[in-house]
Amino acid sequence: MIVAAVTGYWVLWPVTRDPLATDFALVFIAVRIGLEHGWSQIYSLPLQHQVFAALRPGVFFNDGQRYIAPPPLAWLTLPLAPLGAAAAFYVWTALSALALAAAWWLGAPGHGLERATWLVGAVAWYPVLYEVSYGQPALIVLLAVVASWRLAEAGRGYESGVVLALGTALKPQLVLAVPLVLLAAGRWRVFAGWAAAIAILAGLSLLSLGATGLADYRSLLAEAQGLPNNRYFTLAYVLGPGPLSYAAEAVVLATSAFAAFARRRDGYAALFALGLVATAFGTTYWHLQDYAMLLAAAWLFWRTGPPAWQRAWLAAVAIAGELAWPLTPLPMLIALGVWFVFLALPRQAAPRAASVAA
């Protein structure tokens, strides 16, 4: 609790003094543009610059200050628009905290003190606090993933896929490998629900953007992909931003699919954990706050009953994430790579999960 309080104060106090110095302000800008100029204009760089200047006069509009999330994130934030940017951020922060608590309630293993320790650890972990300080949607996506897992375990495959799609639509790179893993493992109902819901959301997004809005979106995405800070926490840190890193990331995703097929008799907890760790290890676009998604991976991995020495490795992951800035991303990439191997290797005499047919 002391660590949570000290770290939380250090990370969050600056935000209380300037709530517009966050990524959430960029989402609010997209909402304002959508309401005032039409949703096809939310990726217009001149309009984003114009609204940014009105919200934060005198602040430089740098190349990292762009709204590039998919349209559903702006739609989700729309009800907060009447509150104003600062008040909307505080409400969003409260909703993120509730999402974290709900995800913990649904997904954390154990009972009593053990279960409570998972919550304290989550609240104290630097990537989680960093995520909250920037007003990112990772904790909302975290809740969607954990809820999707619970629905899948309950045999409600289609509903599980729809909920997973809702999380995917907010920030796709956080769950990139999860649908792939579920497909490779033969979880057809979950994948079908996800694919159908994603197709609907993508269609609505395209209709709202039109040809001009889509062109603006592709231009901003191309610009973002070229920024070094967007690939700092990926394999590009070791291999460089060229074809070699893309090839390595493709190998990670392909390996996760083969591993999922090999472990297709395992339960959903193992598959979701595999997909989440493969995503974090093999993505092409990642930031420190995105590691908050590993909370779900840790909870579900723990539920599979891994050996004690594998459970102990989670401490290495936690420390690498906590000290990622001073230690550089290399320890975290190593820790994730080892964890990925744990999840990819078939377990000996793994029992057939009751929910395989779901």
Foldseek 3Di string as FASTA:
>chain_A
DVLLVVLLCVLAVVCVVPVCPALLVQLLLLLVCCVPPFNLCSLPPVSSVVVVCVVPPPDDCDLVNGPQAFPVQSVVLNVLNVVPSNVSLVVLLVVLVVLQVLLLVQFFDDDDPSSVVLSSLLSSFNLQSNCSNRSACLSVLLSLQSVLQVCLLVLNQLVSLLSNLSSCNGPVLQQVLLLLLCVLLPSVNSNVSNVVNNVVSVVVRCVRNDPSSVVSSVVSVVSVLPDCQFQQLACCVVVNLDPVLLVVLVVLSVLSSVLSNVQSQAGSLLSSLLSNLNSSHRPSTDHLSSCSSCSNSLSSVVVQPDDPVLNVLVVQLSVCSRCCVVVGNVSNNVSSVVNNVVSSDHDPPHHGRPSSND
